Every structure is written in C-alpha cells, then in structure tokens.
Amino acid sequence: MEAPQYVAARVQRALAEDERTHELGIRVDVRGEQLFLRGQVTGDERRALIADVAGEAAPGLTVRNEITVMEVRGPGEEEKL
C-alpha cells in the first residue's frame, strides 16, 4: 500500500492540474482508508467537482468532503472620506 503522504500529494497535484478545478487551497489528509478534504470554496458545484477529482486520483479511498462554501457578497456601499 502507498504511504499516506504520497497519496495526499498525488491528490493535491490532481486538484491543481485538473482543468475542472485548478485548485491550490484545499488541504488533503489521508487517514487509513479515508481521504479528508478541507478548505473553503465559493460554491456547491466547485465543492462537488473537487471531491470528484480527488476520488478519481485516489480510487479505493472514501472521500470525506469537509470543504465549506463561503458566502460571496457584492460590494457594500461606497466609502466616503
């Protein structure tokens, strides 16, 4: 079996290089047969895509998607100086 740190590195590389994600800000941890994804993204669709790419990069592991979705707001009112 491949060492956990090598699996995590392979998944992080896949997240960075896959055209669907190009993601650098997700932390990947492998514990036993589980792959944990942690970080923040801007939407549910992006969160799901990251989990898909991670699962493809580490088949046989259970993906635990703990990525949170940030609320993105428009600009507030103009600041007057």
C-alpha atoms as a PDB file:
ATOM      1  CA  MET A   1       0.000   0.000   0.000  1.00  0.00           C
ATOM      2  CA  GLU A   2       1.195   3.508  -0.866  1.00  0.00           C
ATOM      3  CA  ALA A   3       2.230   5.790   2.017  1.00  0.00           C
ATOM      4  CA  PRO A   4      -0.492   8.288   3.030  1.00  0.00           C
ATOM      5  CA  GLN A   5       1.675  11.338   2.351  1.00  0.00           C
ATOM      6  CA  TYR A   6       2.233  10.169  -1.239  1.00  0.00           C
ATOM      7  CA  VAL A   7      -1.489   9.663  -1.785  1.00  0.00           C
ATOM      8  CA  ALA A   8      -2.212  13.136  -0.369  1.00  0.00           C
ATOM      9  CA  ALA A   9       0.449  14.675  -2.620  1.00  0.00           C
ATOM     10  CA  ARG A  10      -0.979  12.893  -5.678  1.00  0.00           C
ATOM     11  CA  VAL A  11      -4.475  14.194  -4.882  1.00  0.00           C
ATOM     12  CA  GLN A  12      -3.218  17.749  -4.319  1.00  0.00           C
ATOM     13  CA  ARG A  13      -1.386  17.617  -7.631  1.00  0.00           C
ATOM     14  CA  ALA A  14      -4.525  16.353  -9.378  1.00  0.00           C
ATOM     15  CA  LEU A  15      -6.577  19.178  -7.841  1.00  0.00           C
ATOM     16  CA  ALA A  16      -4.013  21.729  -9.032  1.00  0.00           C
ATOM     17  CA  GLU A  17      -3.599  20.343 -12.558  1.00  0.00           C
ATOM     18  CA  ASP A  18      -7.096  19.142 -13.473  1.00  0.00           C
ATOM     19  CA  GLU A  19      -8.813  21.606 -15.815  1.00  0.00           C
ATOM     20  CA  ARG A  20     -12.055  21.256 -13.841  1.00  0.00           C
ATOM     21  CA  THR A  21     -10.531  22.519 -10.616  1.00  0.00           C
ATOM     22  CA  HIS A  22      -7.092  24.220 -10.814  1.00  0.00           C
ATOM     23  CA  GLU A  23      -7.309  24.346  -7.013  1.00  0.00           C
ATOM     24  CA  LEU A  24      -4.377  25.052  -4.690  1.00  0.00           C
ATOM     25  CA  GLY A  25      -6.173  25.967  -1.476  1.00  0.00           C
ATOM     26  CA  ILE A  26      -7.538  22.592  -0.357  1.00  0.00           C
ATOM     27  CA  ARG A  27      -5.836  20.600   2.392  1.00  0.00           C
ATOM     28  CA  VAL A  28      -5.745  16.851   1.802  1.00  0.00           C
ATOM     29  CA  ASP A  29      -5.233  14.327   4.623  1.00  0.00           C
ATOM     30  CA  VAL A  30      -5.242  10.544   4.386  1.00  0.00           C
ATOM     31  CA  ARG A  31      -6.110   8.511   7.472  1.00  0.00           C
ATOM     32  CA  GLY A  32      -6.478   4.802   6.971  1.00  0.00           C
ATOM     33  CA  GLU A  33      -8.919   4.228   4.120  1.00  0.00           C
ATOM     34  CA  GLN A  34     -10.332   7.747   4.253  1.00  0.00           C
ATOM     35  CA  LEU A  35      -9.353  10.872   2.329  1.00  0.00           C
ATOM     36  CA  PHE A  36     -10.250  14.159   4.016  1.00  0.00           C
ATOM     37  CA  LEU A  37     -10.670  17.381   2.057  1.00  0.00           C
ATOM     38  CA  ARG A  38     -10.638  20.660   3.984  1.00  0.00           C
ATOM     39  CA  GLY A  39     -10.744  24.269   2.900  1.00  0.00           C
ATOM     40  CA  GLN A  40     -13.103  26.873   1.503  1.00  0.00           C
ATOM     41  CA  VAL A  41     -14.622  27.391  -1.929  1.00  0.00           C
ATOM     42  CA  THR A  42     -17.160  29.772  -3.430  1.00  0.00           C
ATOM     43  CA  GLY A  43     -19.935  27.363  -4.415  1.00  0.00           C
ATOM     44  CA  ASP A  44     -21.506  23.930  -4.025  1.00  0.00           C
ATOM     45  CA  GLU A  45     -20.688  22.961  -7.613  1.00  0.00           C
ATOM     46  CA  ARG A  46     -16.992  23.681  -7.074  1.00  0.00           C
ATOM     47  CA  ARG A  47     -17.067  21.707  -3.818  1.00  0.00           C
ATOM     48  CA  ALA A  48     -18.535  18.701  -5.646  1.00  0.00           C
ATOM     49  CA  LEU A  49     -16.027  18.948  -8.528  1.00  0.00           C
ATOM     50  CA  ILE A  50     -13.117  18.923  -6.089  1.00  0.00           C
ATOM     51  CA  ALA A  51     -14.485  15.787  -4.416  1.00  0.00           C
ATOM     52  CA  ASP A  52     -14.893  14.116  -7.832  1.00  0.00           C
ATOM     53  CA  VAL A  53     -11.316  14.873  -8.888  1.00  0.00           C
ATOM     54  CA  ALA A  54      -9.964  13.714  -5.514  1.00  0.00           C
ATOM     55  CA  GLY A  55     -11.911  10.453  -5.766  1.00  0.00           C
ATOM     56  CA  GLU A  56     -10.537   9.815  -9.253  1.00  0.00           C
ATOM     57  CA  ALA A  57      -6.972  10.458  -8.035  1.00  0.00           C
ATOM     58  CA  ALA A  58      -7.335   8.088  -5.075  1.00  0.00           C
ATOM     59  CA  PRO A  59      -9.655   5.241  -6.067  1.00  0.00           C
ATOM     60  CA  GLY A  60     -10.464   2.863  -3.254  1.00  0.00           C
ATOM     61  CA  LEU A  61     -10.444   5.545  -0.557  1.00  0.00           C
ATOM     62  CA  THR A  62     -13.589   7.013   0.953  1.00  0.00           C
ATOM     63  CA  VAL A  63     -13.686  10.770   0.313  1.00  0.00           C
ATOM     64  CA  ARG A  64     -14.765  12.846   3.311  1.00  0.00           C
ATOM     65  CA  ASN A  65     -15.578  16.250   1.877  1.00  0.00           C
ATOM     66  CA  GLU A  66     -15.283  18.755   4.728  1.00  0.00           C
ATOM     67  CA  ILE A  67     -14.898  21.739   2.389  1.00  0.00           C
ATOM     68  CA  THR A  68     -17.014  24.712   3.401  1.00  0.00           C
ATOM     69  CA  VAL A  69     -18.740  27.072   0.997  1.00  0.00           C
ATOM     70  CA  MET A  70     -18.011  30.755   1.577  1.00  0.00           C
ATOM     71  CA  GLU A  71     -20.729  33.292   1.113  1.00  0.00           C
ATOM     72  CA  VAL A  72     -19.639  35.803  -1.502  1.00  0.00           C
ATOM     73  CA  ARG A  73     -21.301  39.177  -1.238  1.00  0.00           C
ATOM     74  CA  GLY A  74     -21.285  42.079  -3.601  1.00  0.00           C
ATOM     75  CA  PRO A  75     -19.562  45.294  -2.686  1.00  0.00           C
ATOM     76  CA  GLY A  76     -21.058  47.334   0.131  1.00  0.00           C
ATOM     77  CA  GLU A  77     -21.875  50.975  -0.073  1.00  0.00           C
ATOM     78  CA  GLU A  78     -19.299  53.477  -1.169  1.00  0.00           C
ATOM     79  CA  GLU A  79     -16.921  54.730   1.498  1.00  0.00           C
ATOM     80  CA  LYS A  80     -16.853  58.497   1.778  1.00  0.00           C
ATOM     81  CA  LEU A  81     -13.680  60.113   3.009  1.00  0.00           C
END
